[in-house]
Amino acid sequence: MRDDPLRLQRVDGGLRIKIDNQGLTVDNQWLSTGAMKTIQPEHRDTFDELKRVRLEALEHARVARDLSGRRAELVEELTGLGYAQADIARELGVSRQAIQKMSSAR
């Protein structure tokens, strides 16, 4: 199982996102607010929820990317077994062009 490079940590009453970019940069690895407007306590929960939703969306994008690659492998395997893209498309209920696009996702 991979180590997730994005993590949430509670700091100063709110959540901050820790970024681990595998050593690409050596300075500040915490996103900072810089000269931002001070977050009002009554808005903290909304900001925290936004951070959680953002991390979840990033994870879903990673999973979709992985699945897209696996789908391309499966299409390649089936075409290697002699099935035409049209055969695969008919089985999935999509166009041949959709299968062609799937197979190029690698």
C-alpha atoms as a PDB file:
ATOM      1  CA  MET A   1       0.000   0.000   0.000  1.00  0.00           C
ATOM      2  CA  ARG A   2       1.357   3.413  -0.942  1.00  0.00           C
ATOM      3  CA  ASP A   3       2.025   6.217   1.512  1.00  0.00           C
ATOM      4  CA  ASP A   4      -0.430   9.027   0.836  1.00  0.00           C
ATOM      5  CA  PRO A   5       1.496  12.255   0.046  1.00  0.00           C
ATOM      6  CA  LEU A   6      -1.443  14.429   1.152  1.00  0.00           C
ATOM      7  CA  ARG A   7      -2.423  14.467   4.803  1.00  0.00           C
ATOM      8  CA  LEU A   8      -4.606  16.593   7.027  1.00  0.00           C
ATOM      9  CA  GLN A   9      -3.400  17.704  10.422  1.00  0.00           C
ATOM     10  CA  ARG A  10      -5.210  19.820  12.982  1.00  0.00           C
ATOM     11  CA  VAL A  11      -3.175  22.988  13.654  1.00  0.00           C
ATOM     12  CA  ASP A  12      -4.243  26.133  15.509  1.00  0.00           C
ATOM     13  CA  GLY A  13      -7.897  25.104  15.635  1.00  0.00           C
ATOM     14  CA  GLY A  14      -8.112  24.267  11.922  1.00  0.00           C
ATOM     15  CA  LEU A  15      -6.952  21.721   9.402  1.00  0.00           C
ATOM     16  CA  ARG A  16      -3.831  22.128   7.299  1.00  0.00           C
ATOM     17  CA  ILE A  17      -2.769  20.006   4.380  1.00  0.00           C
ATOM     18  CA  LYS A  18       0.688  18.427   4.538  1.00  0.00           C
ATOM     19  CA  ILE A  19       2.256  17.884   1.139  1.00  0.00           C
ATOM     20  CA  ASP A  20       4.984  15.312   0.647  1.00  0.00           C
ATOM     21  CA  ASN A  21       6.352  15.704  -2.860  1.00  0.00           C
ATOM     22  CA  GLN A  22       9.031  13.031  -2.495  1.00  0.00           C
ATOM     23  CA  GLY A  23      11.877  15.476  -1.954  1.00  0.00           C
ATOM     24  CA  LEU A  24      11.272  17.675  -4.996  1.00  0.00           C
ATOM     25  CA  THR A  25      11.470  20.701  -2.718  1.00  0.00           C
ATOM     26  CA  VAL A  26      13.223  20.967   0.614  1.00  0.00           C
ATOM     27  CA  ASP A  27      11.680  24.126   2.005  1.00  0.00           C
ATOM     28  CA  ASN A  28       8.265  24.639   3.566  1.00  0.00           C
ATOM     29  CA  GLN A  29       6.116  21.559   2.926  1.00  0.00           C
ATOM     30  CA  TRP A  30       3.068  23.046   4.606  1.00  0.00           C
ATOM     31  CA  LEU A  31       0.628  25.140   2.657  1.00  0.00           C
ATOM     32  CA  SER A  32       0.502  28.475   4.397  1.00  0.00           C
ATOM     33  CA  THR A  33      -2.113  31.172   4.433  1.00  0.00           C
ATOM     34  CA  GLY A  34       0.446  33.946   3.882  1.00  0.00           C
ATOM     35  CA  ALA A  35      -1.278  37.346   3.905  1.00  0.00           C
ATOM     36  CA  MET A  36      -4.776  35.877   3.775  1.00  0.00           C
ATOM     37  CA  LYS A  37      -7.712  37.307   5.619  1.00  0.00           C
ATOM     38  CA  THR A  38      -7.996  35.827   9.093  1.00  0.00           C
ATOM     39  CA  ILE A  39     -10.438  32.939   9.114  1.00  0.00           C
ATOM     40  CA  GLN A  40     -13.383  33.664  11.341  1.00  0.00           C
ATOM     41  CA  PRO A  41     -14.122  30.942  13.922  1.00  0.00           C
ATOM     42  CA  GLU A  42     -17.690  30.552  12.613  1.00  0.00           C
ATOM     43  CA  HIS A  43     -16.279  29.697   9.150  1.00  0.00           C
ATOM     44  CA  ARG A  44     -13.648  27.201  10.330  1.00  0.00           C
ATOM     45  CA  ASP A  45     -15.912  24.153   9.847  1.00  0.00           C
ATOM     46  CA  THR A  46     -16.640  25.197   6.257  1.00  0.00           C
ATOM     47  CA  PHE A  47     -12.930  25.550   5.462  1.00  0.00           C
ATOM     48  CA  ASP A  48     -12.195  22.205   7.124  1.00  0.00           C
ATOM     49  CA  GLU A  49     -14.936  20.519   5.097  1.00  0.00           C
ATOM     50  CA  LEU A  50     -13.552  22.095   1.894  1.00  0.00           C
ATOM     51  CA  LYS A  51     -10.126  20.637   2.690  1.00  0.00           C
ATOM     52  CA  ARG A  52     -11.587  17.181   3.352  1.00  0.00           C
ATOM     53  CA  VAL A  53     -13.634  17.280   0.135  1.00  0.00           C
ATOM     54  CA  ARG A  54     -10.579  18.408  -1.860  1.00  0.00           C
ATOM     55  CA  LEU A  55      -8.477  15.525  -0.541  1.00  0.00           C
ATOM     56  CA  GLU A  56     -11.257  13.068  -1.308  1.00  0.00           C
ATOM     57  CA  ALA A  57     -11.568  14.430  -4.863  1.00  0.00           C
ATOM     58  CA  LEU A  58      -7.805  14.056  -5.368  1.00  0.00           C
ATOM     59  CA  GLU A  59      -7.974  10.461  -4.178  1.00  0.00           C
ATOM     60  CA  HIS A  60     -10.906   9.727  -6.487  1.00  0.00           C
ATOM     61  CA  ALA A  61      -8.978  11.219  -9.420  1.00  0.00           C
ATOM     62  CA  ARG A  62      -6.027   8.938  -8.615  1.00  0.00           C
ATOM     63  CA  VAL A  63      -8.289   5.897  -8.445  1.00  0.00           C
ATOM     64  CA  ALA A  64      -9.951   6.854 -11.754  1.00  0.00           C
ATOM     65  CA  ARG A  65      -6.526   7.173 -13.380  1.00  0.00           C
ATOM     66  CA  ASP A  66      -5.527   3.722 -12.100  1.00  0.00           C
ATOM     67  CA  LEU A  67      -8.793   2.171 -13.289  1.00  0.00           C
ATOM     68  CA  SER A  68      -8.419   3.797 -16.688  1.00  0.00           C
ATOM     69  CA  GLY A  69      -5.047   2.125 -17.092  1.00  0.00           C
ATOM     70  CA  ARG A  70      -6.460  -1.238 -16.020  1.00  0.00           C
ATOM     71  CA  ARG A  71      -9.352  -0.844 -18.459  1.00  0.00           C
ATOM     72  CA  ALA A  72      -6.877  -0.193 -21.285  1.00  0.00           C
ATOM     73  CA  GLU A  73      -4.963  -3.361 -20.307  1.00  0.00           C
ATOM     74  CA  LEU A  74      -8.168  -5.408 -20.435  1.00  0.00           C
ATOM     75  CA  VAL A  75      -9.122  -4.022 -23.858  1.00  0.00           C
ATOM     76  CA  GLU A  76      -5.612  -4.831 -25.085  1.00  0.00           C
ATOM     77  CA  GLU A  77      -5.897  -8.360 -23.668  1.00  0.00           C
ATOM     78  CA  LEU A  78      -9.235  -8.939 -25.404  1.00  0.00           C
ATOM     79  CA  THR A  79      -7.991  -7.612 -28.732  1.00  0.00           C
ATOM     80  CA  GLY A  80      -4.968  -9.886 -28.339  1.00  0.00           C
ATOM     81  CA  LEU A  81      -7.386 -12.798 -27.976  1.00  0.00           C
ATOM     82  CA  GLY A  82      -8.893 -11.916 -31.327  1.00  0.00           C
ATOM     83  CA  TYR A  83     -11.854  -9.753 -30.365  1.00  0.00           C
ATOM     84  CA  ALA A  84     -12.405  -6.667 -32.485  1.00  0.00           C
ATOM     85  CA  GLN A  85     -12.976  -3.303 -30.860  1.00  0.00           C
ATOM     86  CA  ALA A  86     -16.510  -3.486 -32.283  1.00  0.00           C
ATOM     87  CA  ASP A  87     -17.083  -6.793 -30.426  1.00  0.00           C
ATOM     88  CA  ILE A  88     -15.930  -5.269 -27.142  1.00  0.00           C
ATOM     89  CA  ALA A  89     -18.002  -2.126 -27.754  1.00  0.00           C
ATOM     90  CA  ARG A  90     -21.139  -4.185 -28.443  1.00  0.00           C
ATOM     91  CA  GLU A  91     -20.622  -6.143 -25.211  1.00  0.00           C
ATOM     92  CA  LEU A  92     -20.205  -2.939 -23.171  1.00  0.00           C
ATOM     93  CA  GLY A  93     -22.957  -1.033 -24.964  1.00  0.00           C
ATOM     94  CA  VAL A  94     -20.636   1.747 -26.140  1.00  0.00           C
ATOM     95  CA  SER A  95     -19.275   2.871 -29.504  1.00  0.00           C
ATOM     96  CA  ARG A  96     -16.180   1.404 -31.127  1.00  0.00           C
ATOM     97  CA  GLN A  97     -14.661   4.883 -30.842  1.00  0.00           C
ATOM     98  CA  ALA A  98     -15.153   4.734 -27.072  1.00  0.00           C
ATOM     99  CA  ILE A  99     -13.231   1.444 -26.977  1.00  0.00           C
ATOM    100  CA  GLN A 100     -10.500   2.967 -29.134  1.00  0.00           C
ATOM    101  CA  LYS A 101     -10.252   5.856 -26.682  1.00  0.00           C
ATOM    102  CA  MET A 102     -10.186   3.443 -23.721  1.00  0.00           C
ATOM    103  CA  SER A 103      -7.360   1.457 -25.267  1.00  0.00           C
ATOM    104  CA  SER A 104      -5.223   4.576 -25.695  1.00  0.00           C
ATOM    105  CA  ALA A 105      -5.558   5.610 -22.042  1.00  0.00           C
ATOM    106  CA  ARG A 106      -2.295   3.921 -21.028  1.00  0.00           C
END
